[in-house]
Amino acid sequence: MISLELKNVILGELKLDDWEIAETTTAGEVPGWDSLSHIDVVLAVEKHFGIRFKSAEILRLKNVGDLQRFVDSKLARSR
C-alpha cells in the first residue's frame, strides 16, 4: 500500500491536486511524470523523508510500489 505521505510528496512535486496512485502505478501513468521530472520526484522524496537513494536503486524503480518499499527499507534502517 502506498502511504498518503509518499503520495502527497509525489503529487506536490508534480503540482497535481489529486491523482490515483497505487503500488502498480508507473511514472508514465501520472500526468507530468516524465524522465526529466522523475529525478525531481526522487529528490523530493529523499528530502522529505531524510533518506538517500543509490543510483542503482533509482534505476531499479519500476513502479510506485518499488519506491514505497525503498523508502520503508531506508527508514527502518535509520531507526
N, C-alpha and C. Protein backbone atom coordinates (compact mmCIF):
# COMPACT_ATOMS: atom_id res chain seq x y z
N MET A 1 0.85 -1.19 0.00
CA MET A 1 0.00 0.00 0.00
C MET A 1 0.89 1.25 0.00
N ILE A 2 0.50 2.23 -0.77
CA ILE A 2 1.23 3.48 -0.86
C ILE A 2 0.77 4.40 0.27
N SER A 3 1.72 4.92 1.03
CA SER A 3 1.35 5.81 2.14
C SER A 3 0.84 7.14 1.60
N LEU A 4 -0.05 7.74 2.35
CA LEU A 4 -0.57 9.05 1.99
C LEU A 4 0.57 10.07 1.95
N GLU A 5 1.54 9.90 2.83
CA GLU A 5 2.69 10.80 2.89
C GLU A 5 3.49 10.76 1.58
N LEU A 6 3.79 9.56 1.09
CA LEU A 6 4.53 9.43 -0.17
C LEU A 6 3.69 9.97 -1.32
N LYS A 7 2.42 9.64 -1.34
CA LYS A 7 1.54 10.12 -2.40
C LYS A 7 1.54 11.65 -2.44
N ASN A 8 1.46 12.27 -1.28
CA ASN A 8 1.43 13.74 -1.22
C ASN A 8 2.74 14.36 -1.69
N VAL A 9 3.87 13.71 -1.38
CA VAL A 9 5.16 14.22 -1.86
C VAL A 9 5.21 14.16 -3.38
N ILE A 10 4.80 13.03 -3.94
CA ILE A 10 4.81 12.86 -5.40
C ILE A 10 3.88 13.87 -6.06
N LEU A 11 2.65 13.95 -5.58
CA LEU A 11 1.69 14.88 -6.19
C LEU A 11 2.12 16.33 -6.03
N GLY A 12 2.71 16.65 -4.88
CA GLY A 12 3.19 18.01 -4.65
C GLY A 12 4.29 18.39 -5.63
N GLU A 13 5.21 17.46 -5.84
CA GLU A 13 6.32 17.73 -6.77
C GLU A 13 5.82 17.88 -8.20
N LEU A 14 4.80 17.11 -8.55
CA LEU A 14 4.25 17.17 -9.91
C LEU A 14 3.16 18.24 -10.06
N LYS A 15 2.89 18.94 -8.95
CA LYS A 15 1.88 20.01 -8.93
C LYS A 15 0.50 19.51 -9.36
N LEU A 16 0.13 18.36 -8.83
CA LEU A 16 -1.19 17.78 -9.08
C LEU A 16 -2.00 17.87 -7.80
N ASP A 17 -3.27 18.26 -7.91
CA ASP A 17 -4.14 18.32 -6.74
C ASP A 17 -4.45 16.94 -6.22
N ASP A 18 -4.77 16.02 -7.14
CA ASP A 18 -5.07 14.65 -6.74
C ASP A 18 -4.92 13.76 -7.95
N TRP A 19 -4.52 12.54 -7.70
CA TRP A 19 -4.38 11.54 -8.74
C TRP A 19 -4.32 10.20 -8.04
N GLU A 20 -4.97 9.22 -8.60
CA GLU A 20 -4.97 7.88 -8.01
C GLU A 20 -3.60 7.25 -8.21
N ILE A 21 -2.93 6.94 -7.12
CA ILE A 21 -1.62 6.30 -7.16
C ILE A 21 -1.69 5.01 -6.36
N ALA A 22 -1.35 3.92 -7.02
CA ALA A 22 -1.35 2.60 -6.38
C ALA A 22 0.05 2.00 -6.50
N GLU A 23 0.25 0.84 -5.90
CA GLU A 23 1.56 0.18 -5.96
C GLU A 23 2.01 -0.08 -7.38
N THR A 24 1.08 -0.37 -8.25
CA THR A 24 1.43 -0.73 -9.63
C THR A 24 1.51 0.47 -10.57
N THR A 25 1.25 1.65 -10.05
CA THR A 25 1.29 2.86 -10.87
C THR A 25 2.72 3.11 -11.35
N THR A 26 2.87 3.36 -12.65
CA THR A 26 4.17 3.71 -13.20
C THR A 26 4.20 5.20 -13.50
N ALA A 27 5.39 5.73 -13.64
CA ALA A 27 5.55 7.17 -13.89
C ALA A 27 4.77 7.60 -15.12
N GLY A 28 4.78 6.80 -16.17
CA GLY A 28 4.10 7.15 -17.41
C GLY A 28 2.60 7.28 -17.29
N GLU A 29 2.04 6.77 -16.21
CA GLU A 29 0.59 6.84 -16.00
C GLU A 29 0.16 8.10 -15.26
N VAL A 30 1.13 8.87 -14.76
CA VAL A 30 0.82 10.06 -13.97
C VAL A 30 1.15 11.30 -14.80
N PRO A 31 0.19 12.21 -14.95
CA PRO A 31 0.43 13.42 -15.74
C PRO A 31 1.65 14.20 -15.24
N GLY A 32 2.53 14.54 -16.16
CA GLY A 32 3.69 15.35 -15.82
C GLY A 32 4.89 14.57 -15.30
N TRP A 33 4.73 13.27 -15.07
CA TRP A 33 5.84 12.47 -14.54
C TRP A 33 6.56 11.83 -15.72
N ASP A 34 7.56 12.54 -16.22
CA ASP A 34 8.34 12.05 -17.34
C ASP A 34 9.79 11.82 -16.88
N SER A 35 10.67 11.54 -17.81
CA SER A 35 12.05 11.22 -17.44
C SER A 35 12.75 12.40 -16.76
N LEU A 36 12.39 13.61 -17.12
CA LEU A 36 13.01 14.78 -16.50
C LEU A 36 12.48 15.02 -15.09
N SER A 37 11.19 14.91 -14.92
CA SER A 37 10.60 15.15 -13.60
C SER A 37 10.84 13.98 -12.65
N HIS A 38 11.23 12.83 -13.19
CA HIS A 38 11.49 11.66 -12.35
C HIS A 38 12.57 11.97 -11.31
N ILE A 39 13.64 12.62 -11.74
CA ILE A 39 14.71 12.98 -10.81
C ILE A 39 14.20 13.95 -9.76
N ASP A 40 13.36 14.90 -10.16
CA ASP A 40 12.79 15.85 -9.19
C ASP A 40 11.94 15.13 -8.16
N VAL A 41 11.17 14.14 -8.61
CA VAL A 41 10.33 13.37 -7.68
C VAL A 41 11.22 12.61 -6.70
N VAL A 42 12.25 11.95 -7.19
CA VAL A 42 13.16 11.20 -6.32
C VAL A 42 13.83 12.14 -5.32
N LEU A 43 14.31 13.29 -5.79
CA LEU A 43 14.95 14.24 -4.88
C LEU A 43 13.97 14.76 -3.82
N ALA A 44 12.73 15.00 -4.21
CA ALA A 44 11.72 15.46 -3.26
C ALA A 44 11.44 14.39 -2.20
N VAL A 45 11.40 13.13 -2.63
CA VAL A 45 11.18 12.02 -1.69
C VAL A 45 12.37 11.92 -0.73
N GLU A 46 13.58 12.02 -1.26
CA GLU A 46 14.78 11.96 -0.40
C GLU A 46 14.75 13.08 0.64
N LYS A 47 14.46 14.28 0.19
CA LYS A 47 14.44 15.44 1.10
C LYS A 47 13.36 15.29 2.16
N HIS A 48 12.16 14.93 1.73
CA HIS A 48 11.04 14.83 2.67
C HIS A 48 11.29 13.79 3.75
N PHE A 49 11.79 12.63 3.35
CA PHE A 49 11.98 11.52 4.30
C PHE A 49 13.37 11.51 4.93
N GLY A 50 14.27 12.38 4.49
CA GLY A 50 15.62 12.43 5.06
C GLY A 50 16.43 11.18 4.74
N ILE A 51 16.29 10.69 3.51
CA ILE A 51 17.00 9.48 3.08
C ILE A 51 17.75 9.77 1.79
N ARG A 52 18.60 8.83 1.39
CA ARG A 52 19.33 8.95 0.13
C ARG A 52 19.22 7.63 -0.63
N PHE A 53 19.01 7.71 -1.92
CA PHE A 53 18.98 6.52 -2.77
C PHE A 53 20.30 6.42 -3.52
N LYS A 54 20.75 5.20 -3.73
CA LYS A 54 21.90 4.96 -4.59
C LYS A 54 21.40 4.98 -6.03
N SER A 55 22.30 5.31 -6.95
CA SER A 55 21.93 5.36 -8.38
C SER A 55 21.33 4.04 -8.84
N ALA A 56 21.92 2.93 -8.40
CA ALA A 56 21.42 1.61 -8.80
C ALA A 56 20.01 1.37 -8.31
N GLU A 57 19.67 1.89 -7.13
CA GLU A 57 18.31 1.75 -6.61
C GLU A 57 17.32 2.52 -7.47
N ILE A 58 17.70 3.72 -7.86
CA ILE A 58 16.81 4.54 -8.69
C ILE A 58 16.55 3.84 -10.02
N LEU A 59 17.58 3.25 -10.58
CA LEU A 59 17.43 2.55 -11.86
C LEU A 59 16.53 1.33 -11.75
N ARG A 60 16.43 0.73 -10.56
CA ARG A 60 15.59 -0.46 -10.37
C ARG A 60 14.12 -0.13 -10.14
N LEU A 61 13.78 1.14 -9.96
CA LEU A 61 12.39 1.51 -9.71
C LEU A 61 11.54 1.24 -10.94
N LYS A 62 10.54 0.41 -10.79
CA LYS A 62 9.63 0.09 -11.89
C LYS A 62 8.25 0.71 -11.71
N ASN A 63 7.89 0.94 -10.43
CA ASN A 63 6.57 1.50 -10.13
C ASN A 63 6.60 2.16 -8.76
N VAL A 64 5.50 2.75 -8.36
CA VAL A 64 5.45 3.46 -7.08
C VAL A 64 5.59 2.49 -5.91
N GLY A 65 5.14 1.26 -6.08
CA GLY A 65 5.32 0.26 -5.03
C GLY A 65 6.79 0.03 -4.73
N ASP A 66 7.63 -0.02 -5.77
CA ASP A 66 9.08 -0.16 -5.56
C ASP A 66 9.61 1.03 -4.77
N LEU A 67 9.17 2.23 -5.12
CA LEU A 67 9.61 3.43 -4.42
C LEU A 67 9.20 3.37 -2.95
N GLN A 68 7.97 2.94 -2.68
CA GLN A 68 7.49 2.83 -1.30
C GLN A 68 8.34 1.83 -0.51
N ARG A 69 8.66 0.69 -1.13
CA ARG A 69 9.47 -0.32 -0.44
C ARG A 69 10.87 0.20 -0.14
N PHE A 70 11.47 0.94 -1.07
CA PHE A 70 12.78 1.53 -0.80
C PHE A 70 12.71 2.54 0.33
N VAL A 71 11.69 3.38 0.32
CA VAL A 71 11.52 4.37 1.40
C VAL A 71 11.37 3.64 2.73
N ASP A 72 10.50 2.66 2.79
CA ASP A 72 10.27 1.92 4.04
C ASP A 72 11.55 1.25 4.53
N SER A 73 12.30 0.66 3.61
CA SER A 73 13.54 -0.02 3.95
C SER A 73 14.56 0.95 4.52
N LYS A 74 14.70 2.09 3.88
CA LYS A 74 15.68 3.09 4.33
C LYS A 74 15.27 3.67 5.68
N LEU A 75 13.99 3.90 5.89
CA LEU A 75 13.53 4.44 7.17
C LEU A 75 13.72 3.42 8.28
N ALA A 76 13.51 2.16 7.99
CA ALA A 76 13.68 1.11 9.01
C ALA A 76 15.14 0.99 9.42
N ARG A 77 16.05 1.17 8.47
CA ARG A 77 17.49 1.09 8.77
C ARG A 77 17.97 2.27 9.60
N SER A 78 17.31 3.40 9.47
CA SER A 78 17.76 4.62 10.17
C SER A 78 17.27 4.68 11.62
N ARG A 79 16.42 3.75 11.99
CA ARG A 79 15.88 3.78 13.37
C ARG A 79 16.81 3.13 14.34
